[in-house]
Amino acid sequence: METHGSPTPVKLAQLQNVKTSDFKVVYCNNVAFMNSFFDLAMTMGEIVNVDDQGVGTVEQSVRVVMSMPHAKVFMMVLLQQIQQYEQRFGLVPLPPMENLPAEMQEIIKQEPSK
């Protein structure tokens, strides 16, 4: 039995992309991640203000939720896209480490050097 969102398991030859009537484009320079055993959620928004004490305001626009297998494939394809971009245009610079939250600094330190 086939249900919406669960296609019959067949090998896909290609996908046809069709935009929904409420399709929108969102600029994002901030992502908050949350995961469970089953999925990964990314709440995306734009930093619109940082006050004198260094507290920023983020206007959240959209939340994207995907299964963990999908998230892993997404990560691999995203990495491939960044590598292709850097081969074509040069390295994408990272912001100064001191401007990043401590947990993000730890993740970046673990990245293999190029």
PDB file of N, CA and C in Angstrom:
ATOM      1  N   MET A   1       0.838  -1.181   0.000  1.00  0.00           N
ATOM      2  CA  MET A   1       0.000   0.000   0.000  1.00  0.00           C
ATOM      3  C   MET A   1       0.880   1.241   0.000  1.00  0.00           C
ATOM      4  N   GLU A   2       0.615   2.138  -0.889  1.00  0.00           N
ATOM      5  CA  GLU A   2       1.398   3.362  -1.004  1.00  0.00           C
ATOM      6  C   GLU A   2       0.640   4.504  -0.352  1.00  0.00           C
ATOM      7  N   THR A   3       1.378   5.279   0.458  1.00  0.00           N
ATOM      8  CA  THR A   3       0.787   6.465   1.068  1.00  0.00           C
ATOM      9  C   THR A   3       1.565   7.680   0.615  1.00  0.00           C
ATOM     10  N   HIS A   4       0.944   8.841   0.732  1.00  0.00           N
ATOM     11  CA  HIS A   4       1.623  10.091   0.366  1.00  0.00           C
ATOM     12  C   HIS A   4       2.881  10.239   1.209  1.00  0.00           C
ATOM     13  N   GLY A   5       4.008  10.493   0.566  1.00  0.00           N
ATOM     14  CA  GLY A   5       5.261  10.651   1.291  1.00  0.00           C
ATOM     15  C   GLY A   5       6.018   9.352   1.455  1.00  0.00           C
ATOM     16  N   SER A   6       5.406   8.232   1.099  1.00  0.00           N
ATOM     17  CA  SER A   6       6.079   6.935   1.185  1.00  0.00           C
ATOM     18  C   SER A   6       5.973   6.224  -0.156  1.00  0.00           C
ATOM     19  N   PRO A   7       6.839   6.601  -1.117  1.00  0.00           N
ATOM     20  CA  PRO A   7       6.737   5.979  -2.431  1.00  0.00           C
ATOM     21  C   PRO A   7       7.093   4.499  -2.357  1.00  0.00           C
ATOM     22  N   THR A   8       6.527   3.744  -3.283  1.00  0.00           N
ATOM     23  CA  THR A   8       6.857   2.334  -3.396  1.00  0.00           C
ATOM     24  C   THR A   8       8.355   2.215  -3.585  1.00  0.00           C
ATOM     25  N   PRO A   9       9.027   1.300  -2.862  1.00  0.00           N
ATOM     26  CA  PRO A   9      10.478   1.209  -2.964  1.00  0.00           C
ATOM     27  C   PRO A   9      10.929   0.759  -4.353  1.00  0.00           C
ATOM     28  N   VAL A  10      11.320   1.717  -5.154  1.00  0.00           N
ATOM     29  CA  VAL A  10      11.898   1.458  -6.473  1.00  0.00           C
ATOM     30  C   VAL A  10      13.095   2.367  -6.628  1.00  0.00           C
ATOM     31  N   LYS A  11      14.009   1.982  -7.494  1.00  0.00           N
ATOM     32  CA  LYS A  11      15.171   2.831  -7.751  1.00  0.00           C
ATOM     33  C   LYS A  11      14.719   4.025  -8.597  1.00  0.00           C
ATOM     34  N   LEU A  12      15.035   5.231  -8.126  1.00  0.00           N
ATOM     35  CA  LEU A  12      14.644   6.444  -8.846  1.00  0.00           C
ATOM     36  C   LEU A  12      15.609   6.710  -9.997  1.00  0.00           C
ATOM     37  N   ALA A  13      15.077   6.925 -11.163  1.00  0.00           N
ATOM     38  CA  ALA A  13      15.907   7.292 -12.307  1.00  0.00           C
ATOM     39  C   ALA A  13      16.207   8.779 -12.274  1.00  0.00           C
ATOM     40  N   GLN A  14      15.223   9.567 -11.852  1.00  0.00           N
ATOM     41  CA  GLN A  14      15.382  11.008 -11.722  1.00  0.00           C
ATOM     42  C   GLN A  14      14.202  11.545 -10.940  1.00  0.00           C
ATOM     43  N   LEU A  15      14.325  12.784 -10.513  1.00  0.00           N
ATOM     44  CA  LEU A  15      13.233  13.453  -9.810  1.00  0.00           C
ATOM     45  C   LEU A  15      12.810  14.673 -10.609  1.00  0.00           C
ATOM     46  N   GLN A  16      11.538  14.918 -10.643  1.00  0.00           N
ATOM     47  CA  GLN A  16      11.022  16.132 -11.271  1.00  0.00           C
ATOM     48  C   GLN A  16      10.665  17.096 -10.157  1.00  0.00           C
ATOM     49  N   ASN A  17      11.286  18.257 -10.123  1.00  0.00           N
ATOM     50  CA  ASN A  17      11.035  19.257  -9.088  1.00  0.00           C
ATOM     51  C   ASN A  17       9.859  20.138  -9.484  1.00  0.00           C
ATOM     52  N   VAL A  18       8.882  20.232  -8.595  1.00  0.00           N
ATOM     53  CA  VAL A  18       7.705  21.063  -8.804  1.00  0.00           C
ATOM     54  C   VAL A  18       7.519  21.912  -7.550  1.00  0.00           C
ATOM     55  N   LYS A  19       7.431  23.220  -7.720  1.00  0.00           N
ATOM     56  CA  LYS A  19       7.253  24.121  -6.573  1.00  0.00           C
ATOM     57  C   LYS A  19       5.787  24.158  -6.149  1.00  0.00           C
ATOM     58  N   THR A  20       5.549  24.122  -4.841  1.00  0.00           N
ATOM     59  CA  THR A  20       4.196  24.242  -4.327  1.00  0.00           C
ATOM     60  C   THR A  20       3.719  25.682  -4.463  1.00  0.00           C
ATOM     61  N   SER A  21       2.431  25.903  -4.307  1.00  0.00           N
ATOM     62  CA  SER A  21       1.889  27.259  -4.444  1.00  0.00           C
ATOM     63  C   SER A  21       2.401  28.194  -3.354  1.00  0.00           C
ATOM     64  N   ASP A  22       2.820  27.640  -2.203  1.00  0.00           N
ATOM     65  CA  ASP A  22       3.326  28.492  -1.121  1.00  0.00           C
ATOM     66  C   ASP A  22       4.855  28.443  -1.005  1.00  0.00           C
ATOM     67  N   PHE A  23       5.541  28.021  -2.055  1.00  0.00           N
ATOM     68  CA  PHE A  23       7.002  27.972  -2.071  1.00  0.00           C
ATOM     69  C   PHE A  23       7.575  29.348  -1.787  1.00  0.00           C
ATOM     70  N   LYS A  24       8.633  29.398  -0.939  1.00  0.00           N
ATOM     71  CA  LYS A  24       9.267  30.680  -0.665  1.00  0.00           C
ATOM     72  C   LYS A  24      10.776  30.485  -0.517  1.00  0.00           C
ATOM     73  N   VAL A  25      11.502  31.541  -0.735  1.00  0.00           N
ATOM     74  CA  VAL A  25      12.942  31.570  -0.566  1.00  0.00           C
ATOM     75  C   VAL A  25      13.228  32.300   0.737  1.00  0.00           C
ATOM     76  N   VAL A  26      14.109  31.730   1.563  1.00  0.00           N
ATOM     77  CA  VAL A  26      14.430  32.309   2.864  1.00  0.00           C
ATOM     78  C   VAL A  26      15.940  32.496   2.956  1.00  0.00           C
ATOM     79  N   TYR A  27      16.379  33.708   3.323  1.00  0.00           N
ATOM     80  CA  TYR A  27      17.798  33.933   3.605  1.00  0.00           C
ATOM     81  C   TYR A  27      18.071  33.471   5.022  1.00  0.00           C
ATOM     82  N   CYS A  28      19.202  32.826   5.222  1.00  0.00           N
ATOM     83  CA  CYS A  28      19.523  32.282   6.536  1.00  0.00           C
ATOM     84  C   CYS A  28      20.992  32.545   6.852  1.00  0.00           C
ATOM     85  N   ASN A  29      21.260  33.116   8.027  1.00  0.00           N
ATOM     86  CA  ASN A  29      22.636  33.217   8.508  1.00  0.00           C
ATOM     87  C   ASN A  29      22.737  32.721   9.950  1.00  0.00           C
ATOM     88  N   ASN A  30      21.696  31.989  10.375  1.00  0.00           N
ATOM     89  CA  ASN A  30      21.670  31.410  11.714  1.00  0.00           C
ATOM     90  C   ASN A  30      20.823  30.144  11.670  1.00  0.00           C
ATOM     91  N   VAL A  31      21.353  29.057  12.229  1.00  0.00           N
ATOM     92  CA  VAL A  31      20.618  27.794  12.270  1.00  0.00           C
ATOM     93  C   VAL A  31      20.721  27.210  13.670  1.00  0.00           C
ATOM     94  N   ALA A  32      19.588  26.847  14.233  1.00  0.00           N
ATOM     95  CA  ALA A  32      19.553  26.140  15.513  1.00  0.00           C
ATOM     96  C   ALA A  32      19.189  24.688  15.215  1.00  0.00           C
ATOM     97  N   PHE A  33      19.996  23.749  15.712  1.00  0.00           N
ATOM     98  CA  PHE A  33      19.787  22.331  15.454  1.00  0.00           C
ATOM     99  C   PHE A  33      19.168  21.655  16.667  1.00  0.00           C
ATOM    100  N   MET A  34      18.299  20.698  16.410  1.00  0.00           N
ATOM    101  CA  MET A  34      17.728  19.872  17.451  1.00  0.00           C
ATOM    102  C   MET A  34      17.529  18.490  16.842  1.00  0.00           C
ATOM    103  N   ASN A  35      17.882  17.446  17.601  1.00  0.00           N
ATOM    104  CA  ASN A  35      17.682  16.119  17.043  1.00  0.00           C
ATOM    105  C   ASN A  35      17.036  15.193  18.051  1.00  0.00           C
ATOM    106  N   SER A  36      16.445  14.156  17.508  1.00  0.00           N
ATOM    107  CA  SER A  36      15.872  13.086  18.308  1.00  0.00           C
ATOM    108  C   SER A  36      16.414  11.780  17.735  1.00  0.00           C
ATOM    109  N   PHE A  37      15.972  10.677  18.267  1.00  0.00           N
ATOM    110  CA  PHE A  37      16.392   9.387  17.754  1.00  0.00           C
ATOM    111  C   PHE A  37      16.028   9.246  16.274  1.00  0.00           C
ATOM    112  N   PHE A  38      14.927   9.855  15.856  1.00  0.00           N
ATOM    113  CA  PHE A  38      14.395   9.654  14.511  1.00  0.00           C
ATOM    114  C   PHE A  38      14.748  10.730  13.502  1.00  0.00           C
ATOM    115  N   ASP A  39      14.951  11.972  13.959  1.00  0.00           N
ATOM    116  CA  ASP A  39      15.106  13.029  12.967  1.00  0.00           C
ATOM    117  C   ASP A  39      15.989  14.183  13.441  1.00  0.00           C
ATOM    118  N   LEU A  40      16.280  15.058  12.507  1.00  0.00           N
ATOM    119  CA  LEU A  40      17.053  16.269  12.743  1.00  0.00           C
ATOM    120  C   LEU A  40      16.176  17.447  12.354  1.00  0.00           C
ATOM    121  N   ALA A  41      16.090  18.444  13.231  1.00  0.00           N
ATOM    122  CA  ALA A  41      15.331  19.659  12.947  1.00  0.00           C
ATOM    123  C   ALA A  41      16.296  20.833  12.902  1.00  0.00           C
ATOM    124  N   MET A  42      16.128  21.677  11.894  1.00  0.00           N
ATOM    125  CA  MET A  42      16.938  22.884  11.745  1.00  0.00           C
ATOM    126  C   MET A  42      15.993  24.075  11.683  1.00  0.00           C
ATOM    127  N   THR A  43      16.093  24.963  12.676  1.00  0.00           N
ATOM    128  CA  THR A  43      15.304  26.186  12.677  1.00  0.00           C
ATOM    129  C   THR A  43      16.208  27.285  12.137  1.00  0.00           C
ATOM    130  N   MET A  44      15.808  27.860  11.010  1.00  0.00           N
ATOM    131  CA  MET A  44      16.664  28.799  10.282  1.00  0.00           C
ATOM    132  C   MET A  44      16.119  30.213  10.379  1.00  0.00           C
ATOM    133  N   GLY A  45      17.043  31.141  10.505  1.00  0.00           N
ATOM    134  CA  GLY A  45      16.639  32.536  10.610  1.00  0.00           C
ATOM    135  C   GLY A  45      17.765  33.469  10.235  1.00  0.00           C
ATOM    136  N   GLU A  46      17.537  34.730  10.483  1.00  0.00           N
ATOM    137  CA  GLU A  46      18.498  35.784  10.142  1.00  0.00           C
ATOM    138  C   GLU A  46      18.800  36.617  11.377  1.00  0.00           C
ATOM    139  N   ILE A  47      20.089  36.797  11.655  1.00  0.00           N
ATOM    140  CA  ILE A  47      20.511  37.696  12.731  1.00  0.00           C
ATOM    141  C   ILE A  47      20.251  39.114  12.231  1.00  0.00           C
ATOM    142  N   VAL A  48      19.377  39.832  12.922  1.00  0.00           N
ATOM    143  CA  VAL A  48      18.984  41.166  12.456  1.00  0.00           C
ATOM    144  C   VAL A  48      19.542  42.287  13.309  1.00  0.00           C
ATOM    145  N   ASN A  49      20.040  41.944  14.530  1.00  0.00           N
ATOM    146  CA  ASN A  49      20.547  42.984  15.408  1.00  0.00           C
ATOM    147  C   ASN A  49      21.456  42.353  16.461  1.00  0.00           C
ATOM    148  N   VAL A  50      22.493  43.086  16.841  1.00  0.00           N
ATOM    149  CA  VAL A  50      23.324  42.718  17.990  1.00  0.00           C
ATOM    150  C   VAL A  50      23.463  43.975  18.825  1.00  0.00           C
ATOM    151  N   ASP A  51      23.048  43.889  20.117  1.00  0.00           N
ATOM    152  CA  ASP A  51      23.080  45.073  20.966  1.00  0.00           C
ATOM    153  C   ASP A  51      24.479  45.315  21.540  1.00  0.00           C
ATOM    154  N   ASP A  52      24.621  46.363  22.347  1.00  0.00           N
ATOM    155  CA  ASP A  52      25.917  46.760  22.899  1.00  0.00           C
ATOM    156  C   ASP A  52      26.524  45.713  23.825  1.00  0.00           C
ATOM    157  N   GLN A  53      25.699  44.838  24.388  1.00  0.00           N
ATOM    158  CA  GLN A  53      26.195  43.776  25.271  1.00  0.00           C
ATOM    159  C   GLN A  53      26.514  42.496  24.491  1.00  0.00           C
ATOM    160  N   GLY A  54      26.371  42.537  23.182  1.00  0.00           N
ATOM    161  CA  GLY A  54      26.668  41.369  22.360  1.00  0.00           C
ATOM    162  C   GLY A  54      25.544  40.366  22.276  1.00  0.00           C
ATOM    163  N   VAL A  55      24.326  40.778  22.632  1.00  0.00           N
ATOM    164  CA  VAL A  55      23.165  39.893  22.541  1.00  0.00           C
ATOM    165  C   VAL A  55      22.497  40.123  21.191  1.00  0.00           C
ATOM    166  N   GLY A  56      22.378  39.062  20.429  1.00  0.00           N
ATOM    167  CA  GLY A  56      21.797  39.165  19.090  1.00  0.00           C
ATOM    168  C   GLY A  56      20.324  38.821  19.070  1.00  0.00           C
ATOM    169  N   THR A  57      19.648  39.362  18.070  1.00  0.00           N
ATOM    170  CA  THR A  57      18.253  39.032  17.812  1.00  0.00           C
ATOM    171  C   THR A  57      18.183  38.278  16.500  1.00  0.00           C
ATOM    172  N   VAL A  58      17.548  37.101  16.543  1.00  0.00           N
ATOM    173  CA  VAL A  58      17.393  36.278  15.348  1.00  0.00           C
ATOM    174  C   VAL A  58      15.915  36.217  15.002  1.00  0.00           C
ATOM    175  N   GLU A  59      15.582  36.571  13.763  1.00  0.00           N
ATOM    176  CA  GLU A  59      14.215  36.399  13.273  1.00  0.00           C
ATOM    177  C   GLU A  59      14.158  35.028  12.613  1.00  0.00           C
ATOM    178  N   GLN A  60      13.488  34.080  13.269  1.00  0.00           N
ATOM    179  CA  GLN A  60      13.395  32.725  12.742  1.00  0.00           C
ATOM    180  C   GLN A  60      12.322  32.672  11.662  1.00  0.00           C
ATOM    181  N   SER A  61      12.666  32.039  10.531  1.00  0.00           N
ATOM    182  CA  SER A  61      11.774  32.039   9.378  1.00  0.00           C
ATOM    183  C   SER A  61      11.178  30.677   9.044  1.00  0.00           C
ATOM    184  N   VAL A  62      11.954  29.621   9.250  1.00  0.00           N
ATOM    185  CA  VAL A  62      11.494  28.314   8.799  1.00  0.00           C
ATOM    186  C   VAL A  62      12.167  27.208   9.609  1.00  0.00           C
ATOM    187  N   ARG A  63      11.470  26.107   9.753  1.00  0.00           N
ATOM    188  CA  ARG A  63      12.028  24.929  10.409  1.00  0.00           C
ATOM    189  C   ARG A  63      11.979  23.791   9.407  1.00  0.00           C
ATOM    190  N   VAL A  64      13.115  23.148   9.198  1.00  0.00           N
ATOM    191  CA  VAL A  64      13.217  22.015   8.293  1.00  0.00           C
ATOM    192  C   VAL A  64      13.507  20.784   9.132  1.00  0.00           C
ATOM    193  N   VAL A  65      12.704  19.739   8.955  1.00  0.00           N
ATOM    194  CA  VAL A  65      12.873  18.497   9.696  1.00  0.00           C
ATOM    195  C   VAL A  65      13.076  17.374   8.680  1.00  0.00           C
ATOM    196  N   MET A  66      14.094  16.539   8.933  1.00  0.00           N
ATOM    197  CA  MET A  66      14.338  15.410   8.039  1.00  0.00           C
ATOM    198  C   MET A  66      14.793  14.206   8.838  1.00  0.00           C
ATOM    199  N   SER A  67      14.632  13.036   8.250  1.00  0.00           N
ATOM    200  CA  SER A  67      15.076  11.809   8.905  1.00  0.00           C
ATOM    201  C   SER A  67      16.595  11.827   9.025  1.00  0.00           C
ATOM    202  N   MET A  68      17.126  11.065   9.971  1.00  0.00           N
ATOM    203  CA  MET A  68      18.580  11.007  10.139  1.00  0.00           C
ATOM    204  C   MET A  68      19.295  10.453   8.894  1.00  0.00           C
ATOM    205  N   PRO A  69      18.784   9.398   8.237  1.00  0.00           N
ATOM    206  CA  PRO A  69      19.454   8.973   7.002  1.00  0.00           C
ATOM    207  C   PRO A  69      19.473  10.078   5.950  1.00  0.00           C
ATOM    208  N   HIS A  70      18.362  10.814   5.825  1.00  0.00           N
ATOM    209  CA  HIS A  70      18.319  11.924   4.874  1.00  0.00           C
ATOM    210  C   HIS A  70      19.309  13.014   5.280  1.00  0.00           C
ATOM    211  N   ALA A  71      19.376  13.310   6.581  1.00  0.00           N
ATOM    212  CA  ALA A  71      20.302  14.334   7.065  1.00  0.00           C
ATOM    213  C   ALA A  71      21.750  13.950   6.755  1.00  0.00           C
ATOM    214  N   LYS A  72      22.069  12.667   6.883  1.00  0.00           N
ATOM    215  CA  LYS A  72      23.443  12.229   6.611  1.00  0.00           C
ATOM    216  C   LYS A  72      23.782  12.385   5.130  1.00  0.00           C
ATOM    217  N   VAL A  73      22.852  12.008   4.260  1.00  0.00           N
ATOM    218  CA  VAL A  73      23.074  12.202   2.824  1.00  0.00           C
ATOM    219  C   VAL A  73      23.161  13.690   2.511  1.00  0.00           C
ATOM    220  N   PHE A  74      22.283  14.500   3.132  1.00  0.00           N
ATOM    221  CA  PHE A  74      22.303  15.956   2.961  1.00  0.00           C
ATOM    222  C   PHE A  74      23.681  16.516   3.320  1.00  0.00           C
ATOM    223  N   MET A  75      24.233  16.064   4.466  1.00  0.00           N
ATOM    224  CA  MET A  75      25.546  16.518   4.911  1.00  0.00           C
ATOM    225  C   MET A  75      26.626  16.180   3.874  1.00  0.00           C
ATOM    226  N   MET A  76      26.576  14.968   3.349  1.00  0.00           N
ATOM    227  CA  MET A  76      27.591  14.540   2.389  1.00  0.00           C
ATOM    228  C   MET A  76      27.498  15.337   1.085  1.00  0.00           C
ATOM    229  N   VAL A  77      26.276  15.572   0.616  1.00  0.00           N
ATOM    230  CA  VAL A  77      26.091  16.339  -0.615  1.00  0.00           C
ATOM    231  C   VAL A  77      26.470  17.801  -0.383  1.00  0.00           C
ATOM    232  N   LEU A  78      26.121  18.353   0.780  1.00  0.00           N
ATOM    233  CA  LEU A  78      26.495  19.734   1.096  1.00  0.00           C
ATOM    234  C   LEU A  78      28.013  19.890   1.129  1.00  0.00           C
ATOM    235  N   LEU A  79      28.704  18.951   1.755  1.00  0.00           N
ATOM    236  CA  LEU A  79      30.165  18.995   1.789  1.00  0.00           C
ATOM    237  C   LEU A  79      30.745  18.951   0.377  1.00  0.00           C
ATOM    238  N   GLN A  80      30.180  18.082  -0.474  1.00  0.00           N
ATOM    239  CA  GLN A  80      30.639  18.002  -1.859  1.00  0.00           C
ATOM    240  C   GLN A  80      30.439  19.337  -2.581  1.00  0.00           C
ATOM    241  N   GLN A  81      29.299  19.987  -2.356  1.00  0.00           N
ATOM    242  CA  GLN A  81      29.027  21.272  -2.990  1.00  0.00           C
ATOM    243  C   GLN A  81      30.011  22.344  -2.532  1.00  0.00           C
ATOM    244  N   ILE A  82      30.330  22.363  -1.243  1.00  0.00           N
ATOM    245  CA  ILE A  82      31.293  23.339  -0.716  1.00  0.00           C
ATOM    246  C   ILE A  82      32.675  23.073  -1.295  1.00  0.00           C
ATOM    247  N   GLN A  83      33.074  21.817  -1.378  1.00  0.00           N
ATOM    248  CA  GLN A  83      34.378  21.478  -1.948  1.00  0.00           C
ATOM    249  C   GLN A  83      34.464  21.906  -3.418  1.00  0.00           C
ATOM    250  N   GLN A  84      33.402  21.696  -4.177  1.00  0.00           N
ATOM    251  CA  GLN A  84      33.385  22.135  -5.578  1.00  0.00           C
ATOM    252  C   GLN A  84      33.464  23.657  -5.673  1.00  0.00           C
ATOM    253  N   TYR A  85      32.756  24.347  -4.797  1.00  0.00           N
ATOM    254  CA  TYR A  85      32.802  25.810  -4.770  1.00  0.00           C
ATOM    255  C   TYR A  85      34.227  26.280  -4.493  1.00  0.00           C
ATOM    256  N   GLU A  86      34.878  25.669  -3.477  1.00  0.00           N
ATOM    257  CA  GLU A  86      36.232  26.088  -3.109  1.00  0.00           C
ATOM    258  C   GLU A  86      37.241  25.771  -4.212  1.00  0.00           C
ATOM    259  N   GLN A  87      37.053  24.697  -4.929  1.00  0.00           N
ATOM    260  CA  GLN A  87      37.946  24.391  -6.056  1.00  0.00           C
ATOM    261  C   GLN A  87      37.814  25.451  -7.146  1.00  0.00           C
ATOM    262  N   ARG A  88      36.619  25.955  -7.297  1.00  0.00           N
ATOM    263  CA  ARG A  88      36.363  26.935  -8.352  1.00  0.00           C
ATOM    264  C   ARG A  88      36.711  28.362  -7.950  1.00  0.00           C
ATOM    265  N   PHE A  89      36.399  28.731  -6.693  1.00  0.00           N
ATOM    266  CA  PHE A  89      36.515  30.129  -6.280  1.00  0.00           C
ATOM    267  C   PHE A  89      37.510  30.384  -5.148  1.00  0.00           C
ATOM    268  N   GLY A  90      38.051  29.341  -4.535  1.00  0.00           N
ATOM    269  CA  GLY A  90      38.966  29.506  -3.411  1.00  0.00           C
ATOM    270  C   GLY A  90      38.281  29.179  -2.091  1.00  0.00           C
ATOM    271  N   LEU A  91      39.097  29.081  -1.050  1.00  0.00           N
ATOM    272  CA  LEU A  91      38.591  28.676   0.253  1.00  0.00           C
ATOM    273  C   LEU A  91      37.552  29.655   0.801  1.00  0.00           C
ATOM    274  N   VAL A  92      36.539  29.109   1.423  1.00  0.00           N
ATOM    275  CA  VAL A  92      35.535  29.916   2.111  1.00  0.00           C
ATOM    276  C   VAL A  92      36.106  30.220   3.488  1.00  0.00           C
ATOM    277  N   PRO A  93      36.296  31.509   3.811  1.00  0.00           N
ATOM    278  CA  PRO A  93      36.888  31.833   5.112  1.00  0.00           C
ATOM    279  C   PRO A  93      35.898  31.618   6.252  1.00  0.00           C
ATOM    280  N   LEU A  94      36.398  31.166   7.372  1.00  0.00           N
ATOM    281  CA  LEU A  94      35.585  31.040   8.580  1.00  0.00           C
ATOM    282  C   LEU A  94      35.707  32.334   9.385  1.00  0.00           C
ATOM    283  N   PRO A  95      34.671  32.680  10.146  1.00  0.00           N
ATOM    284  CA  PRO A  95      34.775  33.870  10.987  1.00  0.00           C
ATOM    285  C   PRO A  95      35.820  33.645  12.075  1.00  0.00           C
ATOM    286  N   PRO A  96      36.335  34.724  12.680  1.00  0.00           N
ATOM    287  CA  PRO A  96      37.297  34.556  13.775  1.00  0.00           C
ATOM    288  C   PRO A  96      36.707  33.661  14.862  1.00  0.00           C
ATOM    289  N   MET A  97      37.520  32.740  15.368  1.00  0.00           N
ATOM    290  CA  MET A  97      37.061  31.774  16.363  1.00  0.00           C
ATOM    291  C   MET A  97      36.455  32.442  17.586  1.00  0.00           C
ATOM    292  N   GLU A  98      37.022  33.559  18.025  1.00  0.00           N
ATOM    293  CA  GLU A  98      36.524  34.203  19.251  1.00  0.00           C
ATOM    294  C   GLU A  98      35.109  34.755  19.081  1.00  0.00           C
ATOM    295  N   ASN A  99      34.640  34.889  17.838  1.00  0.00           N
ATOM    296  CA  ASN A  99      33.281  35.375  17.597  1.00  0.00           C
ATOM    297  C   ASN A  99      32.244  34.252  17.598  1.00  0.00           C
ATOM    298  N   LEU A 100      32.703  33.019  17.727  1.00  0.00           N
ATOM    299  CA  LEU A 100      31.804  31.872  17.657  1.00  0.00           C
ATOM    300  C   LEU A 100      31.520  31.303  19.046  1.00  0.00           C
ATOM    301  N   PRO A 101      30.331  30.716  19.235  1.00  0.00           N
ATOM    302  CA  PRO A 101      30.041  30.060  20.509  1.00  0.00           C
ATOM    303  C   PRO A 101      31.027  28.925  20.764  1.00  0.00           C
ATOM    304  N   ALA A 102      31.302  28.640  22.036  1.00  0.00           N
ATOM    305  CA  ALA A 102      32.297  27.635  22.426  1.00  0.00           C
ATOM    306  C   ALA A 102      32.028  26.280  21.790  1.00  0.00           C
ATOM    307  N   GLU A 103      30.757  25.842  21.754  1.00  0.00           N
ATOM    308  CA  GLU A 103      30.463  24.519  21.185  1.00  0.00           C
ATOM    309  C   GLU A 103      30.783  24.465  19.695  1.00  0.00           C
ATOM    310  N   MET A 104      30.613  25.582  18.995  1.00  0.00           N
ATOM    311  CA  MET A 104      30.946  25.628  17.576  1.00  0.00           C
ATOM    312  C   MET A 104      32.463  25.625  17.385  1.00  0.00           C
ATOM    313  N   GLN A 105      33.185  26.305  18.268  1.00  0.00           N
ATOM    314  CA  GLN A 105      34.650  26.300  18.199  1.00  0.00           C
ATOM    315  C   GLN A 105      35.187  24.882  18.321  1.00  0.00           C
ATOM    316  N   GLU A 106      34.596  24.084  19.219  1.00  0.00           N
ATOM    317  CA  GLU A 106      35.039  22.693  19.407  1.00  0.00           C
ATOM    318  C   GLU A 106      34.817  21.870  18.151  1.00  0.00           C
ATOM    319  N   ILE A 107      33.674  22.055  17.505  1.00  0.00           N
ATOM    320  CA  ILE A 107      33.383  21.316  16.270  1.00  0.00           C
ATOM    321  C   ILE A 107      34.378  21.697  15.189  1.00  0.00           C
ATOM    322  N   ILE A 108      34.660  22.972  15.036  1.00  0.00           N
ATOM    323  CA  ILE A 108      35.565  23.434  13.991  1.00  0.00           C
ATOM    324  C   ILE A 108      36.983  22.936  14.246  1.00  0.00           C
ATOM    325  N   LYS A 109      37.411  22.887  15.511  1.00  0.00           N
ATOM    326  CA  LYS A 109      38.746  22.378  15.840  1.00  0.00           C
ATOM    327  C   LYS A 109      38.905  20.930  15.411  1.00  0.00           C
ATOM    328  N   GLN A 110      37.808  20.175  15.373  1.00  0.00           N
ATOM    329  CA  GLN A 110      37.851  18.755  15.004  1.00  0.00           C
ATOM    330  C   GLN A 110      37.897  18.549  13.498  1.00  0.00           C
ATOM    331  N   GLU A 111      37.632  19.619  12.715  1.00  0.00           N
ATOM    332  CA  GLU A 111      37.617  19.480  11.270  1.00  0.00           C
ATOM    333  C   GLU A 111      39.014  19.140  10.772  1.00  0.00           C
ATOM    334  N   PRO A 112      39.122  18.119   9.911  1.00  0.00           N
ATOM    335  CA  PRO A 112      40.448  17.777   9.390  1.00  0.00           C
ATOM    336  C   PRO A 112      41.021  18.942   8.582  1.00  0.00           C
ATOM    337  N   SER A 113      42.295  19.197   8.744  1.00  0.00           N
ATOM    338  CA  SER A 113      42.923  20.309   8.012  1.00  0.00           C
ATOM    339  C   SER A 113      43.054  19.942   6.548  1.00  0.00           C
ATOM    340  N   LYS A 114      43.007  20.963   5.720  1.00  0.00           N
ATOM    341  CA  LYS A 114      43.053  20.735   4.271  1.00  0.00           C
ATOM    342  C   LYS A 114      44.472  20.788   3.777  1.00  0.00           C
TER     343      LYS A 114
END
